[in-house]
Amino acid sequence: MNVDQAVRNSMSTLTSAERKVATALLTDYPFAGLMTVAELGKRANVSGQSILRLTSKLGFDGYSNFQQALISEIKEGYHSPVLLREIRGDGDAGDSFLANLTETTINAIRETAALVSEEHLNAVSVLLSDQRRSISLLGGRMSDALASYFFRHLRQIRPKVYKVPGYQEEWPEYLLRMGKNDVVVMVDFRRYQPDLLQFAERAVRERGAQIILITDKWLSPIAKHSSHILPSAIDVGTPWDT
């Protein structure tokens, strides 16, 4: 079993801090695992101890042993015929813009599916389906459309679902409505918005809410305050991310 497969399989057993490390590893695999403990901790917004606990749960004696396994994978993959074929680009979609865009979009969806384990998605689904909790949704200047779309679906199947407006002046009302362990779904893609980070900080610190973050693979700063992070691949080779 490769290291990335082991990380995905372990998602359901990890603490919130360990999941952040796992997500940081998967979003830039395998290179994030070649960082120092301090560098990876800064990227994932966790302590070095969380990183060491994760590598221990994955069955490694230490961080250096974990990195040796990654280096072995890289060496093996470098000589893989499948990888070499991908590097050469055999069987690409040709010069057609539409065909190329379709292919890169499909690849982005595949990469997104690889970044989120089935176990992690199930854990998020259980949280969202718990009708004892209220759910609030908020996105950024462009990504708020995704939050609104999700809101319209959720409110059809469960009560206590609220769409937080984009106007900061109205945010205190929605923050005061939140109770302990309620859920906030936040959508934040680069360029990340400082005001969304402030909302997340207040929701966690003042109201005790849990945050589910939908972001890109570079991870919004909101990840520091999130219980669950769902990263996605967004680059399709055009001036607009998908």
Protein backbone atom coordinates (compact mmCIF):
# COMPACT_ATOMS: atom_id res chain seq x y z
CA MET A 1 0.00 0.00 0.00
CA ASN A 2 1.32 3.45 -0.94
CA VAL A 3 1.58 6.15 1.70
CA ASP A 4 -1.26 8.19 0.17
CA GLN A 5 -3.56 5.15 0.27
CA ALA A 6 -2.65 4.58 3.91
CA VAL A 7 -3.45 8.23 4.70
CA ARG A 8 -6.87 8.01 3.01
CA ASN A 9 -7.72 4.74 4.74
CA SER A 10 -6.90 6.22 8.14
CA MET A 11 -9.06 9.36 7.82
CA SER A 12 -11.94 8.04 9.91
CA THR A 13 -9.62 7.34 12.87
CA LEU A 14 -7.80 10.68 12.93
CA THR A 15 -8.28 13.65 15.22
CA SER A 16 -9.11 17.06 13.75
CA ALA A 17 -5.45 18.16 13.90
CA GLU A 18 -4.25 14.91 12.33
CA ARG A 19 -6.82 15.28 9.53
CA LYS A 20 -5.37 18.70 8.76
CA VAL A 21 -1.92 17.14 8.38
CA ALA A 22 -3.38 14.37 6.20
CA THR A 23 -5.14 16.91 3.99
CA ALA A 24 -1.97 18.98 3.63
CA LEU A 25 -0.09 15.83 2.61
CA LEU A 26 -2.67 14.75 0.04
CA THR A 27 -3.06 18.17 -1.57
CA ASP A 28 0.64 18.29 -2.49
CA TYR A 29 1.55 14.62 -2.51
CA PRO A 30 4.28 13.43 -2.18
CA PHE A 31 6.25 16.66 -1.91
CA ALA A 32 4.55 17.99 1.22
CA GLY A 33 5.82 14.91 3.03
CA LEU A 34 9.39 15.86 2.16
CA MET A 35 9.13 19.12 4.11
CA THR A 36 10.59 19.40 7.57
CA VAL A 37 8.23 18.85 10.49
CA ALA A 38 8.23 22.61 11.13
CA GLU A 39 7.42 23.45 7.49
CA LEU A 40 4.62 20.89 7.27
CA GLY A 41 3.24 22.05 10.61
CA LYS A 42 3.12 25.64 9.34
CA ARG A 43 1.37 24.55 6.15
CA ALA A 44 -1.23 22.51 8.03
CA ASN A 45 -1.52 24.98 10.94
CA VAL A 46 -0.81 22.28 13.53
CA SER A 47 1.94 21.39 15.99
CA GLY A 48 4.82 19.08 15.24
CA GLN A 49 3.39 16.57 17.72
CA SER A 50 0.26 16.19 15.55
CA ILE A 51 2.47 15.29 12.59
CA LEU A 52 4.42 12.73 14.61
CA ARG A 53 1.21 11.19 15.95
CA LEU A 54 -0.12 10.82 12.40
CA THR A 55 3.04 9.13 11.11
CA SER A 56 2.92 6.80 14.10
CA LYS A 57 -0.70 5.87 13.33
CA LEU A 58 0.36 5.13 9.75
CA GLY A 59 2.83 2.58 11.10
CA PHE A 60 6.12 4.47 10.81
CA ASP A 61 8.76 4.52 13.54
CA GLY A 62 9.44 8.22 13.03
CA TYR A 63 9.20 11.10 10.59
CA SER A 64 12.46 10.17 8.87
CA ASN A 65 11.14 6.63 8.31
CA PHE A 66 7.97 8.15 6.83
CA GLN A 67 10.03 10.30 4.45
CA GLN A 68 12.14 7.33 3.37
CA ALA A 69 8.95 5.53 2.33
CA LEU A 70 7.94 8.56 0.23
CA ILE A 71 11.37 8.74 -1.43
CA SER A 72 11.13 5.05 -2.31
CA GLU A 73 7.74 5.68 -3.93
CA ILE A 74 9.14 8.57 -5.96
CA LYS A 75 12.06 6.46 -7.20
CA GLU A 76 9.74 3.61 -8.15
CA GLY A 77 7.26 5.93 -9.87
CA TYR A 78 10.02 7.65 -11.86
CA HIS A 79 10.61 4.39 -13.72
CA SER A 80 6.94 3.46 -14.06
CA PRO A 81 5.79 3.00 -17.71
CA VAL A 82 2.40 4.44 -16.77
CA LEU A 83 3.97 7.59 -15.35
CA LEU A 84 6.29 7.98 -18.31
CA ARG A 85 3.30 7.71 -20.66
CA GLU A 86 1.53 10.47 -18.72
CA ILE A 87 4.63 12.69 -18.89
CA ARG A 88 4.90 12.20 -22.67
CA GLY A 89 1.21 13.05 -23.02
CA ASP A 90 0.36 10.06 -25.22
CA GLY A 91 -3.28 9.99 -26.18
CA ASP A 92 -3.97 13.65 -25.41
CA ALA A 93 -6.99 15.47 -26.77
CA GLY A 94 -5.13 17.15 -29.65
CA ASP A 95 -5.28 20.84 -30.44
CA SER A 96 -9.03 21.30 -29.96
CA PHE A 97 -9.77 23.89 -27.26
CA LEU A 98 -13.05 22.28 -26.30
CA ALA A 99 -11.56 18.77 -26.18
CA ASN A 100 -8.59 19.97 -24.11
CA LEU A 101 -10.80 21.91 -21.71
CA THR A 102 -13.08 18.91 -21.29
CA GLU A 103 -10.12 16.62 -20.61
CA THR A 104 -8.50 18.96 -18.07
CA THR A 105 -11.84 19.47 -16.30
CA ILE A 106 -12.38 15.71 -16.06
CA ASN A 107 -8.85 15.34 -14.69
CA ALA A 108 -9.57 18.06 -12.09
CA ILE A 109 -12.66 16.14 -10.97
CA ARG A 110 -10.62 12.92 -10.72
CA GLU A 111 -7.92 14.70 -8.73
CA THR A 112 -10.56 16.15 -6.40
CA ALA A 113 -12.02 12.69 -5.81
CA ALA A 114 -8.54 11.44 -4.96
CA LEU A 115 -8.03 14.22 -2.40
CA VAL A 116 -11.10 13.29 -0.34
CA SER A 117 -11.42 9.80 1.13
CA GLU A 118 -14.76 7.99 1.29
CA GLU A 119 -14.44 7.77 5.07
CA HIS A 120 -13.90 11.51 5.40
CA LEU A 121 -16.82 12.32 3.12
CA ASN A 122 -19.03 10.01 5.17
CA ALA A 123 -17.99 11.77 8.38
CA VAL A 124 -18.93 15.13 6.88
CA SER A 125 -22.26 13.71 5.67
CA VAL A 126 -23.08 12.43 9.16
CA LEU A 127 -22.36 15.88 10.59
CA LEU A 128 -24.58 17.61 8.03
CA SER A 129 -27.43 15.15 8.54
CA ASP A 130 -27.56 15.60 12.33
CA GLN A 131 -30.77 17.62 12.68
CA ARG A 132 -29.91 18.63 16.25
CA ARG A 133 -27.34 20.97 14.74
CA SER A 134 -28.10 24.07 12.71
CA ILE A 135 -26.13 24.66 9.54
CA SER A 136 -24.97 28.06 8.27
CA LEU A 137 -23.36 28.54 4.87
CA LEU A 138 -21.10 31.34 3.62
CA GLY A 139 -18.74 31.83 0.70
CA GLY A 140 -16.49 34.46 -0.82
CA ARG A 141 -17.11 37.11 -3.47
CA MET A 142 -17.33 34.50 -6.25
CA SER A 143 -17.60 31.24 -4.31
CA ASP A 144 -20.68 32.37 -2.39
CA ALA A 145 -22.67 31.15 -5.39
CA LEU A 146 -21.58 27.61 -4.46
CA ALA A 147 -22.63 28.16 -0.84
CA SER A 148 -26.03 29.43 -2.02
CA TYR A 149 -26.50 26.45 -4.31
CA PHE A 150 -25.65 24.03 -1.48
CA PHE A 151 -27.99 25.94 0.86
CA ARG A 152 -30.95 25.57 -1.51
CA HIS A 153 -30.43 21.81 -1.65
CA LEU A 154 -29.89 21.33 2.08
CA ARG A 155 -32.99 23.23 3.12
CA GLN A 156 -35.10 20.88 1.00
CA ILE A 157 -34.07 17.87 3.06
CA ARG A 158 -33.58 19.15 6.62
CA PRO A 159 -34.54 22.04 8.97
CA LYS A 160 -32.35 24.72 10.56
CA VAL A 161 -30.33 25.65 7.49
CA TYR A 162 -29.30 29.31 7.14
CA LYS A 163 -27.57 31.24 4.36
CA VAL A 164 -25.30 33.91 5.82
CA PRO A 165 -25.44 37.04 3.62
CA GLY A 166 -22.32 38.56 2.13
CA TYR A 167 -22.77 41.84 4.03
CA GLN A 168 -20.60 41.94 7.15
CA GLU A 169 -23.05 44.28 8.87
CA GLU A 170 -25.53 41.37 9.10
CA TRP A 171 -23.06 38.76 10.37
CA PRO A 172 -23.52 39.37 14.14
CA GLU A 173 -27.16 38.25 13.88
CA TYR A 174 -26.10 34.93 12.36
CA LEU A 175 -23.21 34.43 14.78
CA LEU A 176 -25.52 34.99 17.76
CA ARG A 177 -27.93 32.41 16.35
CA MET A 178 -25.25 29.70 16.46
CA GLY A 179 -25.04 27.28 19.35
CA LYS A 180 -22.28 25.00 20.52
CA ASN A 181 -21.43 22.29 17.97
CA ASP A 182 -23.55 23.87 15.22
CA VAL A 183 -21.98 23.63 11.77
CA VAL A 184 -20.72 26.34 9.43
CA VAL A 185 -19.99 25.37 5.82
CA MET A 186 -17.53 27.87 4.36
CA VAL A 187 -16.36 28.09 0.75
CA ASP A 188 -13.08 29.98 0.24
CA PHE A 189 -10.81 29.77 -2.80
CA ARG A 190 -7.75 31.81 -3.67
CA ARG A 191 -7.51 34.79 -3.41
CA TYR A 192 -8.64 34.14 0.15
CA GLN A 193 -10.81 36.73 1.90
CA PRO A 194 -9.64 38.10 5.29
CA ASP A 195 -13.23 38.86 6.33
CA LEU A 196 -14.20 35.19 5.93
CA LEU A 197 -11.27 34.23 8.16
CA GLN A 198 -12.52 36.65 10.82
CA PHE A 199 -16.01 35.13 10.62
CA ALA A 200 -14.56 31.65 11.04
CA GLU A 201 -12.48 32.71 14.04
CA ARG A 202 -15.52 34.20 15.77
CA ALA A 203 -17.78 31.25 14.96
CA VAL A 204 -15.30 28.85 16.59
CA ARG A 205 -14.03 31.00 19.46
CA GLU A 206 -17.25 32.73 20.52
CA ARG A 207 -19.94 30.24 19.51
CA GLY A 208 -18.18 26.87 19.64
CA ALA A 209 -19.23 25.99 16.09
CA GLN A 210 -17.58 23.40 13.86
CA ILE A 211 -16.43 24.47 10.41
CA ILE A 212 -16.53 22.41 7.24
CA LEU A 213 -14.24 24.15 4.75
CA ILE A 214 -14.49 23.69 0.99
CA THR A 215 -11.33 25.13 -0.54
CA ASP A 216 -8.62 24.58 -3.13
CA LYS A 217 -5.58 22.37 -2.68
CA TRP A 218 -3.49 25.30 -1.43
CA LEU A 219 -5.81 25.51 1.60
CA SER A 220 -7.52 28.69 2.78
CA PRO A 221 -6.27 30.12 6.10
CA ILE A 222 -9.69 29.12 7.45
CA ALA A 223 -8.27 25.58 7.55
CA LYS A 224 -6.65 26.50 10.87
CA HIS A 225 -10.10 26.71 12.47
CA SER A 226 -11.82 23.91 10.55
CA SER A 227 -12.90 20.50 11.83
CA HIS A 228 -13.17 19.14 8.27
CA ILE A 229 -11.42 20.30 5.10
CA LEU A 230 -12.60 19.28 1.62
CA PRO A 231 -9.96 20.39 -0.91
CA SER A 232 -10.54 20.38 -4.65
CA ALA A 233 -8.47 20.75 -7.82
CA ILE A 234 -9.40 23.96 -9.64
CA ASP A 235 -6.73 24.61 -12.28
CA VAL A 236 -7.88 23.80 -15.83
CA GLY A 237 -5.30 25.84 -17.74
CA THR A 238 -7.50 28.90 -18.37
CA PRO A 239 -7.54 32.39 -16.79
CA TRP A 240 -10.55 31.20 -14.72
CA ASP A 241 -10.31 28.37 -12.22
CA THR A 242 -13.04 25.77 -12.45
